């Protein structure tokens, strides 16, 4: 390459590098609101601890204590306050690692409670609560950004807010509010969820529907499923990496009773890691992958079936719900295809990430690990001709701690329209620049490639870049 071409190529790389940094810095924070039946199961408190370690990535709009089928006549905002008190003690250390962590005072003012009644008994005239009124206030803010509502229990507080908006707003005003709403519910934990979907069919709604948890994507979080890494969700791992010797917030993480952090997938896909794209649940991410369709009511009972469950609701409209991934497990060297694999395939990576953030609550910047920063030497969306060779390049990727890094390129077939496999093995591992030959197609097809960059710090941390290539005939 002559000097002029080398100089031009170097300038292009620098521009790409700084554009990538600028894009990351200027990206608007997501607005996030949590509804939780905290105290029904220790896992809500576990999820709350993890949530707070990522709270600098979002504009946290509030925490609302609610009921559920597991806790019909009680709400427990005092437990949220207790965990926030632990967060207050570690906040001065967290901000040494990343900027933007909200203060205890900012968060504690946003703790609200719904009515201590079950499901649709709390929806309709005369059933307003400080929780439902807070939801309306958040949605009415002159802020065009969507509000991501993570529901860890029942949805009746949200249902009441929607009922009141429908009753008191003009159709135009109501529609403007509905467009802001993004809902992820950890299954239906009261009978108001199906009511919301049937009454407001155009809402952005992610849920594993039905009366049994056995057909739920979120089980991939920690259930001991074939092929999944069970060591990183074991009691021993949790004690060693989260609870013991990791300060007040780690100590606030309770022992597992039924399952670890079943509610966490509701916000895992909101974490800015380069893989997640919350507006596109079909792309897949740490919180799972979901397709848009009308699911059939699942009738077959299993060990997760809930007794006296009042909902036998056949969905009448499509929503974002269970989708399968085909995954080759590094644990037992076997292939699996199921809905839970859309989460457990990332389990080691999101567990290590949480362990690192808990370490931030007590360690200095130099003592702790921080994630690598992947950089692409080309756009993250581009087109190529059928059969054309092209390159995927992560040149410019760096690690803030100066750690050595490993590279892996992978195709995510389920996320694109091209369902065949693009062969680039064995070059996908440890090459930051990967030559790829586009498949031969007869119509335009999209292919999702995922770059995984993992540092060699303790614990090892992974960040991603998604490249969507459109192949045209």
Protein backbone atom coordinates (compact mmCIF):
# COMPACT_ATOMS: atom_id res chain seq x y z
CA UNK A 1 0.00 0.00 0.00
CA UNK A 2 1.48 3.42 -0.97
CA UNK A 3 1.78 6.25 1.55
CA UNK A 4 -1.23 8.24 0.35
CA UNK A 5 -3.52 5.22 0.50
CA UNK A 6 -2.12 4.25 3.92
CA UNK A 7 -2.70 7.80 5.19
CA UNK A 8 -6.30 7.84 3.89
CA UNK A 9 -6.99 4.44 5.45
CA UNK A 10 -5.55 5.60 8.79
CA UNK A 11 -7.74 8.72 8.76
CA UNK A 12 -10.80 6.58 8.00
CA UNK A 13 -10.02 4.31 10.94
CA UNK A 14 -9.58 7.29 13.26
CA UNK A 15 -12.85 8.84 12.13
CA UNK A 16 -14.65 5.53 12.64
CA UNK A 17 -13.08 5.18 16.09
CA UNK A 18 -14.09 8.66 17.26
CA UNK A 19 -17.53 8.39 15.68
CA UNK A 20 -18.07 5.16 17.61
CA UNK A 21 -17.08 6.83 20.89
CA UNK A 22 -19.25 9.87 20.16
CA UNK A 23 -22.23 7.68 19.31
CA UNK A 24 -21.88 5.79 22.59
CA UNK A 25 -21.54 9.01 24.60
CA UNK A 26 -24.48 10.76 22.96
CA UNK A 27 -26.85 7.82 23.09
CA UNK A 28 -29.85 8.80 25.19
CA UNK A 29 -30.39 6.84 28.37
CA UNK A 30 -33.39 4.55 28.54
CA UNK A 31 -36.18 5.49 30.94
CA UNK A 32 -36.88 2.50 33.20
CA UNK A 33 -39.66 1.84 35.73
CA UNK A 34 -39.88 -1.29 37.93
CA UNK A 35 -43.01 -2.94 39.38
CA UNK A 36 -42.14 -5.58 41.96
CA UNK A 37 -43.96 -7.99 44.27
CA UNK A 38 -40.90 -7.81 46.49
CA UNK A 39 -41.06 -10.13 49.55
CA UNK A 40 -43.14 -12.73 47.69
CA UNK A 41 -39.83 -14.47 46.96
CA UNK A 42 -36.22 -13.48 47.71
CA UNK A 43 -35.50 -13.31 43.99
CA UNK A 44 -37.02 -9.80 43.70
CA UNK A 45 -34.49 -8.52 46.23
CA UNK A 46 -31.73 -10.32 44.31
CA UNK A 47 -32.83 -8.65 41.07
CA UNK A 48 -33.00 -5.28 42.83
CA UNK A 49 -29.37 -5.56 43.91
CA UNK A 50 -28.25 -6.35 40.36
CA UNK A 51 -30.49 -3.61 38.93
CA UNK A 52 -28.87 -0.96 41.13
CA UNK A 53 -25.37 -1.87 39.97
CA UNK A 54 -26.48 -0.90 36.43
CA UNK A 55 -28.62 2.08 37.42
CA UNK A 56 -26.15 4.57 35.95
CA UNK A 57 -27.04 3.31 32.47
CA UNK A 58 -30.67 4.39 32.76
CA UNK A 59 -32.91 7.19 33.91
CA UNK A 60 -34.63 5.27 36.69
CA UNK A 61 -38.22 6.50 36.88
CA UNK A 62 -39.28 4.57 39.96
CA UNK A 63 -39.87 1.40 41.94
CA UNK A 64 -43.46 0.41 42.69
CA UNK A 65 -44.27 -2.28 45.24
CA UNK A 66 -47.16 -4.45 44.03
CA UNK A 67 -49.05 -7.66 44.67
CA UNK A 68 -49.09 -10.89 42.66
CA UNK A 69 -50.57 -14.37 42.73
CA UNK A 70 -47.82 -15.23 45.21
CA UNK A 71 -48.56 -12.25 47.48
CA UNK A 72 -52.17 -11.16 47.07
CA UNK A 73 -52.75 -8.88 50.07
CA UNK A 74 -49.42 -7.21 50.78
CA UNK A 75 -47.01 -4.72 49.25
CA UNK A 76 -43.54 -4.15 50.71
CA UNK A 77 -41.95 -0.81 49.78
CA UNK A 78 -39.94 -0.97 53.01
CA UNK A 79 -37.78 -3.73 51.50
CA UNK A 80 -36.95 -1.54 48.51
CA UNK A 81 -35.89 1.21 50.92
CA UNK A 82 -33.73 -1.24 52.85
CA UNK A 83 -31.81 -2.25 49.72
CA UNK A 84 -31.50 1.40 48.70
CA UNK A 85 -29.90 2.09 52.08
CA UNK A 86 -27.23 -0.48 51.24
CA UNK A 87 -26.79 1.16 47.83
CA UNK A 88 -26.34 4.54 49.56
CA UNK A 89 -23.30 3.19 51.43
CA UNK A 90 -21.54 1.99 48.27
CA UNK A 91 -22.53 4.82 45.93
CA UNK A 92 -19.32 6.82 46.61
CA UNK A 93 -17.27 3.86 45.37
CA UNK A 94 -19.46 3.02 42.36
CA UNK A 95 -18.97 6.48 40.85
CA UNK A 96 -15.21 5.92 40.83
CA UNK A 97 -15.78 3.29 38.12
CA UNK A 98 -18.47 4.83 35.92
CA UNK A 99 -20.28 8.14 35.95
CA UNK A 100 -24.01 8.66 36.22
CA UNK A 101 -25.07 6.58 39.23
CA UNK A 102 -28.17 8.22 40.73
CA UNK A 103 -27.97 9.18 44.39
CA UNK A 104 -29.88 7.47 47.16
CA UNK A 105 -31.93 10.63 47.61
CA UNK A 106 -32.94 10.65 43.94
CA UNK A 107 -34.04 7.01 44.02
CA UNK A 108 -35.72 6.91 47.42
CA UNK A 109 -38.17 9.64 46.40
CA UNK A 110 -39.32 7.39 43.55
CA UNK A 111 -40.37 4.41 45.70
CA UNK A 112 -44.16 4.06 45.56
CA UNK A 113 -46.76 1.42 46.35
CA UNK A 114 -49.80 -0.02 44.67
CA UNK A 115 -52.94 -1.27 46.37
CA UNK A 116 -52.62 -4.34 48.58
CA UNK A 117 -55.26 -6.19 46.58
CA UNK A 118 -55.03 -8.88 43.94
CA UNK A 119 -55.31 -8.44 40.18
CA UNK A 120 -58.44 -6.95 38.65
CA UNK A 121 -59.85 -6.31 42.12
CA UNK A 122 -57.60 -3.25 42.03
CA UNK A 123 -58.61 -1.95 38.59
CA UNK A 124 -61.41 0.51 37.89
CA UNK A 125 -63.16 3.45 39.51
CA UNK A 126 -61.94 4.15 43.02
CA UNK A 127 -58.78 2.05 42.73
CA UNK A 128 -56.15 4.72 42.19
CA UNK A 129 -52.98 4.41 44.28
CA UNK A 130 -49.77 6.35 44.64
CA UNK A 131 -48.22 3.73 42.39
CA UNK A 132 -50.76 4.05 39.57
CA UNK A 133 -50.70 7.84 39.83
CA UNK A 134 -46.89 7.79 39.65
CA UNK A 135 -47.00 5.70 36.46
CA UNK A 136 -49.31 8.27 34.87
CA UNK A 137 -47.03 11.12 35.99
CA UNK A 138 -44.00 9.40 34.46
CA UNK A 139 -45.81 8.75 31.18
CA UNK A 140 -47.10 12.34 31.01
CA UNK A 141 -43.65 13.91 31.25
CA UNK A 142 -42.76 16.05 28.22
CA UNK A 143 -40.16 13.47 27.22
CA UNK A 144 -40.44 11.63 23.93
CA UNK A 145 -38.29 8.70 25.05
CA UNK A 146 -40.10 5.38 25.64
CA UNK A 147 -40.65 4.15 29.20
CA UNK A 148 -39.47 0.57 29.75
CA UNK A 149 -41.75 -0.96 32.39
CA UNK A 150 -40.18 -4.04 33.99
CA UNK A 151 -42.86 -6.08 35.78
CA UNK A 152 -41.59 -8.58 38.35
CA UNK A 153 -44.99 -9.40 39.84
CA UNK A 154 -48.59 -8.53 39.04
CA UNK A 155 -49.58 -5.78 36.61
CA UNK A 156 -52.73 -4.41 38.27
CA UNK A 157 -51.06 -1.12 39.24
CA UNK A 158 -50.11 -0.57 35.59
CA UNK A 159 -53.59 -1.71 34.51
CA UNK A 160 -55.16 0.92 36.77
CA UNK A 161 -52.97 3.62 35.28
CA UNK A 162 -53.95 2.55 31.76
CA UNK A 163 -57.64 2.38 32.76
CA UNK A 164 -57.51 5.96 34.08
CA UNK A 165 -55.66 7.25 31.01
CA UNK A 166 -58.34 5.69 28.81
CA UNK A 167 -61.14 7.19 30.93
CA UNK A 168 -59.75 10.71 31.37
CA UNK A 169 -57.75 11.52 28.21
CA UNK A 170 -58.84 12.28 24.70
CA UNK A 171 -58.12 9.53 22.20
CA UNK A 172 -55.29 11.58 20.71
CA UNK A 173 -53.73 12.22 24.13
CA UNK A 174 -54.06 8.58 25.13
CA UNK A 175 -52.51 7.30 21.92
CA UNK A 176 -49.52 9.60 22.37
CA UNK A 177 -48.98 8.05 25.81
CA UNK A 178 -49.48 4.46 24.65
CA UNK A 179 -46.74 4.91 22.05
CA UNK A 180 -44.21 5.53 24.82
CA UNK A 181 -44.95 2.30 26.68
CA UNK A 182 -42.67 -0.76 26.54
CA UNK A 183 -43.72 -3.61 28.85
CA UNK A 184 -41.84 -6.76 29.83
CA UNK A 185 -43.68 -8.97 32.32
CA UNK A 186 -42.16 -12.04 33.96
CA UNK A 187 -45.10 -14.21 32.85
CA UNK A 188 -48.61 -13.26 33.99
CA UNK A 189 -48.67 -13.11 37.79
CA UNK A 190 -52.21 -11.84 38.08
CA UNK A 191 -55.27 -11.63 35.84
CA UNK A 192 -54.71 -8.01 34.81
CA UNK A 193 -51.97 -8.81 32.29
CA UNK A 194 -54.31 -10.53 29.84
CA UNK A 195 -56.80 -7.68 30.40
CA UNK A 196 -54.16 -5.12 29.40
CA UNK A 197 -53.29 -7.03 26.23
CA UNK A 198 -56.89 -7.49 25.16
CA UNK A 199 -57.90 -3.89 26.00
CA UNK A 200 -54.78 -2.23 24.58
CA UNK A 201 -53.72 -4.64 21.81
CA UNK A 202 -51.22 -2.28 20.21
CA UNK A 203 -48.98 -1.88 23.24
CA UNK A 204 -45.36 -3.05 22.99
CA UNK A 205 -45.58 -6.12 25.22
CA UNK A 206 -43.07 -8.89 25.96
CA UNK A 207 -44.34 -11.88 27.94
CA UNK A 208 -44.25 -15.67 28.21
CA UNK A 209 -47.99 -16.26 28.41
CA UNK A 210 -50.01 -19.13 29.87
CA UNK A 211 -50.74 -20.53 33.29
CA UNK A 212 -47.51 -22.47 33.75
CA UNK A 213 -44.01 -21.15 34.22
CA UNK A 214 -42.72 -24.23 32.43
CA UNK A 215 -43.17 -22.47 29.08
CA UNK A 216 -41.30 -19.33 30.12
CA UNK A 217 -38.17 -17.91 28.49
CA UNK A 218 -36.96 -16.38 31.77
CA UNK A 219 -36.24 -19.85 33.21
CA UNK A 220 -33.02 -19.59 31.23
CA UNK A 221 -31.76 -17.13 33.83
CA UNK A 222 -30.78 -19.70 36.41
CA UNK A 223 -32.67 -23.00 36.04
CA UNK A 224 -30.46 -26.09 35.85
CA UNK A 225 -31.28 -26.85 32.24
CA UNK A 226 -29.38 -29.32 30.05
CA UNK A 227 -26.46 -27.59 28.37
CA UNK A 228 -26.49 -24.55 30.63
CA UNK A 229 -23.64 -23.44 32.88
CA UNK A 230 -24.94 -24.28 36.36
CA UNK A 231 -21.73 -23.44 38.22
CA UNK A 232 -22.15 -19.66 37.80
CA UNK A 233 -25.64 -19.75 39.35
CA UNK A 234 -24.76 -22.09 42.20
CA UNK A 235 -25.04 -21.08 45.85
CA UNK A 236 -21.27 -21.39 46.13
CA UNK A 237 -20.63 -19.03 43.22
CA UNK A 238 -23.15 -16.49 44.54
CA UNK A 239 -21.64 -16.54 48.03
CA UNK A 240 -18.09 -16.18 46.70
CA UNK A 241 -18.71 -13.55 44.02
CA UNK A 242 -21.68 -11.53 45.28
CA UNK A 243 -22.67 -11.96 48.90
CA UNK A 244 -19.59 -12.44 51.06
CA UNK A 245 -16.79 -9.89 51.33
CA UNK A 246 -18.34 -7.53 48.76
CA UNK A 247 -19.70 -4.79 50.95
CA UNK A 248 -23.20 -3.79 52.08
CA UNK A 249 -24.89 -4.19 48.71
CA UNK A 250 -23.52 -7.69 48.19
CA UNK A 251 -24.56 -8.60 51.73
CA UNK A 252 -28.10 -7.39 50.92
CA UNK A 253 -28.36 -10.11 48.24
CA UNK A 254 -30.48 -12.88 49.89
CA UNK A 255 -30.03 -16.62 49.55
CA UNK A 256 -31.95 -18.45 46.83
CA UNK A 257 -35.29 -19.97 47.80
CA UNK A 258 -37.06 -21.06 44.58
CA UNK A 259 -34.78 -19.78 41.86
CA UNK A 260 -32.14 -17.11 41.35
CA UNK A 261 -33.29 -13.79 39.91
CA UNK A 262 -36.24 -14.94 37.86
CA UNK A 263 -37.16 -11.26 37.32
CA UNK A 264 -33.79 -10.07 36.03
CA UNK A 265 -34.42 -10.91 32.33
CA UNK A 266 -36.91 -8.01 32.30
CA UNK A 267 -33.97 -5.58 32.35
CA UNK A 268 -31.02 -7.65 31.10
CA UNK A 269 -31.78 -6.58 27.53
CA UNK A 270 -31.76 -2.92 28.60
CA UNK A 271 -28.06 -3.07 29.53
CA UNK A 272 -25.88 -1.30 27.00
CA UNK A 273 -23.45 -4.07 26.01
CA UNK A 274 -23.41 -3.84 22.21
CA UNK A 275 -25.49 -7.01 21.80
CA UNK A 276 -28.80 -5.84 23.22
CA UNK A 277 -31.24 -3.88 21.07
CA UNK A 278 -34.37 -3.53 23.23
CA UNK A 279 -36.53 -2.05 20.46
CA UNK A 280 -35.99 -5.30 18.50
CA UNK A 281 -36.77 -8.28 20.78
CA UNK A 282 -36.35 -10.58 17.77
CA UNK A 283 -32.64 -9.72 17.59
CA UNK A 284 -31.86 -11.53 20.86
CA UNK A 285 -29.76 -10.40 23.80
CA UNK A 286 -28.94 -11.10 27.42
CA UNK A 287 -32.64 -11.04 28.32
CA UNK A 288 -33.60 -13.59 25.64
CA UNK A 289 -35.08 -13.51 22.17
CA UNK A 290 -38.78 -13.10 21.34
CA UNK A 291 -40.85 -13.34 18.17
CA UNK A 292 -44.01 -11.37 17.35
CA UNK A 293 -47.00 -13.68 16.99
CA UNK A 294 -50.26 -14.78 18.63
CA UNK A 295 -49.43 -17.72 20.95
CA UNK A 296 -51.74 -20.61 21.63
CA UNK A 297 -52.90 -21.18 25.20
CA UNK A 298 -50.66 -23.83 26.71
CA UNK A 299 -52.89 -26.39 28.47
CA UNK A 300 -50.53 -29.15 29.56
CA UNK A 301 -49.69 -28.89 33.28
CA UNK A 302 -46.15 -29.45 34.55
CA UNK A 303 -44.14 -29.01 37.74
CA UNK A 304 -44.31 -25.24 37.35
CA UNK A 305 -48.12 -25.02 37.03
CA UNK A 306 -49.66 -22.58 39.47
CA UNK A 307 -52.57 -23.81 41.64
CA UNK A 308 -55.91 -22.02 41.34
CA UNK A 309 -54.64 -19.88 38.49
CA UNK A 310 -57.69 -17.89 37.29
CA UNK A 311 -56.54 -17.15 33.76
CA UNK A 312 -57.35 -19.46 30.87
CA UNK A 313 -56.97 -16.74 28.27
CA UNK A 314 -56.45 -17.39 24.58
CA UNK A 315 -54.54 -14.44 23.16
CA UNK A 316 -56.37 -12.62 20.40
CA UNK A 317 -53.53 -10.37 19.25
CA UNK A 318 -49.82 -10.85 18.59
CA UNK A 319 -47.20 -9.87 21.14
CA UNK A 320 -43.47 -10.45 21.65
CA UNK A 321 -43.25 -13.92 23.12
CA UNK A 322 -41.23 -17.16 23.26
CA UNK A 323 -38.74 -17.90 20.47
CA UNK A 324 -36.18 -20.68 20.12
CA UNK A 325 -32.44 -20.50 19.51
CA UNK A 326 -30.21 -23.33 18.38
CA UNK A 327 -27.14 -23.29 20.63
CA UNK A 328 -24.06 -25.47 20.85
CA UNK A 329 -23.22 -25.86 24.53
CA UNK A 330 -19.61 -25.54 25.61
CA UNK A 331 -20.58 -27.36 28.84
CA UNK A 332 -21.41 -30.78 27.40
CA UNK A 333 -20.51 -30.25 23.71
CA UNK A 334 -24.09 -30.89 22.56
CA UNK A 335 -26.60 -28.88 20.55
CA UNK A 336 -29.87 -27.58 22.00
CA UNK A 337 -32.88 -25.78 20.59
CA UNK A 338 -35.34 -24.23 23.03
CA UNK A 339 -36.70 -20.93 24.32
CA UNK A 340 -34.62 -20.86 27.52
CA UNK A 341 -31.39 -21.20 25.52
CA UNK A 342 -31.97 -17.65 24.26
CA UNK A 343 -30.91 -16.56 27.77
CA UNK A 344 -28.67 -19.28 29.15
CA UNK A 345 -26.35 -19.05 26.15
CA UNK A 346 -25.07 -15.76 27.67
CA UNK A 347 -25.15 -16.87 31.32
CA UNK A 348 -21.44 -16.96 32.07
CA UNK A 349 -21.00 -13.53 30.50
CA UNK A 350 -23.80 -11.74 32.36
CA UNK A 351 -22.86 -13.40 35.65
CA UNK A 352 -19.24 -12.31 35.32
CA UNK A 353 -20.45 -8.81 34.50
CA UNK A 354 -22.54 -8.68 37.68
CA UNK A 355 -19.64 -9.98 39.76
CA UNK A 356 -17.43 -7.21 38.38
CA UNK A 357 -19.98 -4.54 39.24
CA UNK A 358 -20.39 -5.80 42.79
CA UNK A 359 -16.61 -5.60 43.06
CA UNK A 360 -16.87 -1.94 42.03
CA UNK A 361 -18.77 -1.26 45.25
CA UNK A 362 -15.65 -1.91 47.35
CA UNK A 363 -12.56 -1.85 45.10
CA UNK A 364 -10.59 1.04 43.66
CA UNK A 365 -10.55 1.52 39.89
CA UNK A 366 -7.09 -0.03 39.58
CA UNK A 367 -8.06 -3.08 41.62
CA UNK A 368 -11.20 -3.88 39.60
CA UNK A 369 -11.92 -5.02 36.06
CA UNK A 370 -13.82 -2.97 33.49
CA UNK A 371 -15.29 -4.16 30.18
CA UNK A 372 -13.44 -3.89 26.88
CA UNK A 373 -14.61 -1.41 24.26
CA UNK A 374 -15.22 -3.05 20.86
CA UNK A 375 -14.79 -0.80 17.85
CA UNK A 376 -15.77 -1.56 14.25
CA UNK A 377 -13.61 -0.41 11.35
CA UNK A 378 -16.75 -0.24 9.18
CA UNK A 379 -20.46 0.58 9.61
CA UNK A 380 -22.64 -1.75 11.66
CA UNK A 381 -25.09 -1.98 8.73
CA UNK A 382 -23.92 -2.47 5.15
CA UNK A 383 -24.81 -4.33 1.95
CA UNK A 384 -22.84 -6.76 -0.21
CA UNK A 385 -23.51 -8.63 -3.41
CA UNK A 386 -24.43 -12.29 -3.50
CA UNK A 387 -21.25 -14.39 -3.41
CA UNK A 388 -19.02 -11.37 -2.68
CA UNK A 389 -16.16 -11.61 -0.19
CA UNK A 390 -16.04 -8.92 2.52
CA UNK A 391 -14.30 -8.34 5.83
CA UNK A 392 -15.59 -7.94 9.37
CA UNK A 393 -13.04 -5.92 11.31
CA UNK A 394 -12.75 -4.91 14.97
CA UNK A 395 -9.56 -2.93 14.44
CA UNK A 396 -9.30 -0.21 17.08
CA UNK A 397 -10.89 -2.25 19.88
CA UNK A 398 -9.30 -1.52 23.25
CA UNK A 399 -9.50 -2.34 26.95
CA UNK A 400 -9.55 0.49 29.53
CA UNK A 401 -7.44 -1.55 31.96
CA UNK A 402 -4.89 -2.53 29.34
CA UNK A 403 -5.91 -6.19 29.50
CA UNK A 404 -5.25 -8.65 26.71
CA UNK A 405 -8.38 -9.51 24.74
CA UNK A 406 -9.85 -12.47 22.86
CA UNK A 407 -12.02 -12.08 19.75
CA UNK A 408 -14.79 -14.27 18.47
CA UNK A 409 -17.09 -13.67 15.50
CA UNK A 410 -20.35 -15.62 15.32
CA UNK A 411 -23.46 -15.66 13.16
CA UNK A 412 -26.87 -15.32 14.84
CA UNK A 413 -29.08 -17.09 12.26
CA UNK A 414 -32.39 -16.67 14.12
CA UNK A 415 -32.00 -12.88 14.23
CA UNK A 416 -31.72 -12.43 10.45
CA UNK A 417 -33.86 -13.40 7.47
CA UNK A 418 -31.15 -15.66 6.01
CA UNK A 419 -31.51 -18.92 7.95
CA UNK A 420 -28.61 -20.79 6.40
CA UNK A 421 -25.19 -20.92 8.02
CA UNK A 422 -22.40 -18.77 6.64
CA UNK A 423 -19.19 -20.76 6.88
CA UNK A 424 -16.14 -18.94 8.19
CA UNK A 425 -14.78 -21.54 10.64
CA UNK A 426 -12.07 -21.89 11.89
CA UNK A 427 -11.30 -18.20 11.39
CA UNK A 428 -14.01 -16.92 13.74
CA UNK A 429 -11.85 -17.29 16.86
CA UNK A 430 -9.02 -14.90 17.75
CA UNK A 431 -9.15 -12.87 14.55
CA UNK A 432 -10.14 -9.24 14.86
CA UNK A 433 -10.33 -9.05 11.05
CA UNK A 434 -12.41 -11.83 9.52
CA UNK A 435 -12.85 -12.58 5.79
CA UNK A 436 -16.38 -13.74 4.95
CA UNK A 437 -17.95 -14.84 1.68
CA UNK A 438 -21.57 -13.84 1.29
CA UNK A 439 -23.96 -16.69 0.45
CA UNK A 440 -25.64 -16.87 -2.93
CA UNK A 441 -29.20 -15.52 -2.62
CA UNK A 442 -32.10 -14.93 -4.98
CA UNK A 443 -33.71 -12.16 -2.88
CA UNK A 444 -32.34 -9.63 -0.37
CA UNK A 445 -31.46 -11.31 2.94
CA UNK A 446 -30.14 -9.98 6.25
CA UNK A 447 -27.42 -11.76 8.23
CA UNK A 448 -26.57 -10.85 11.84
CA UNK A 449 -22.94 -11.23 12.86
CA UNK A 450 -21.96 -10.82 16.51
CA UNK A 451 -18.49 -9.81 17.63
CA UNK A 452 -17.63 -10.97 21.15
CA UNK A 453 -14.61 -9.33 22.76
CA UNK A 454 -13.56 -10.80 26.13
CA UNK A 455 -10.76 -9.42 28.25
CA UNK A 456 -8.44 -11.47 30.44
CA UNK A 457 -9.17 -9.58 33.62
CA UNK A 458 -10.77 -11.00 36.77
CA UNK A 459 -13.55 -11.80 36.20
CA UNK A 460 -13.28 -11.84 32.39
CA UNK A 461 -15.73 -9.37 30.86
CA UNK A 462 -17.38 -9.47 27.44
CA UNK A 463 -18.75 -6.74 25.20
CA UNK A 464 -20.20 -7.06 21.73
CA UNK A 465 -20.85 -5.45 18.39
CA UNK A 466 -23.69 -6.50 16.12
CA UNK A 467 -23.16 -6.16 12.38
CA UNK A 468 -26.18 -6.56 10.09
CA UNK A 469 -25.18 -7.38 6.53
CA UNK A 470 -27.78 -7.24 3.77
CA UNK A 471 -26.95 -9.60 0.92
CA UNK A 472 -28.52 -8.64 -2.41
CA UNK A 473 -28.69 -10.75 -5.62
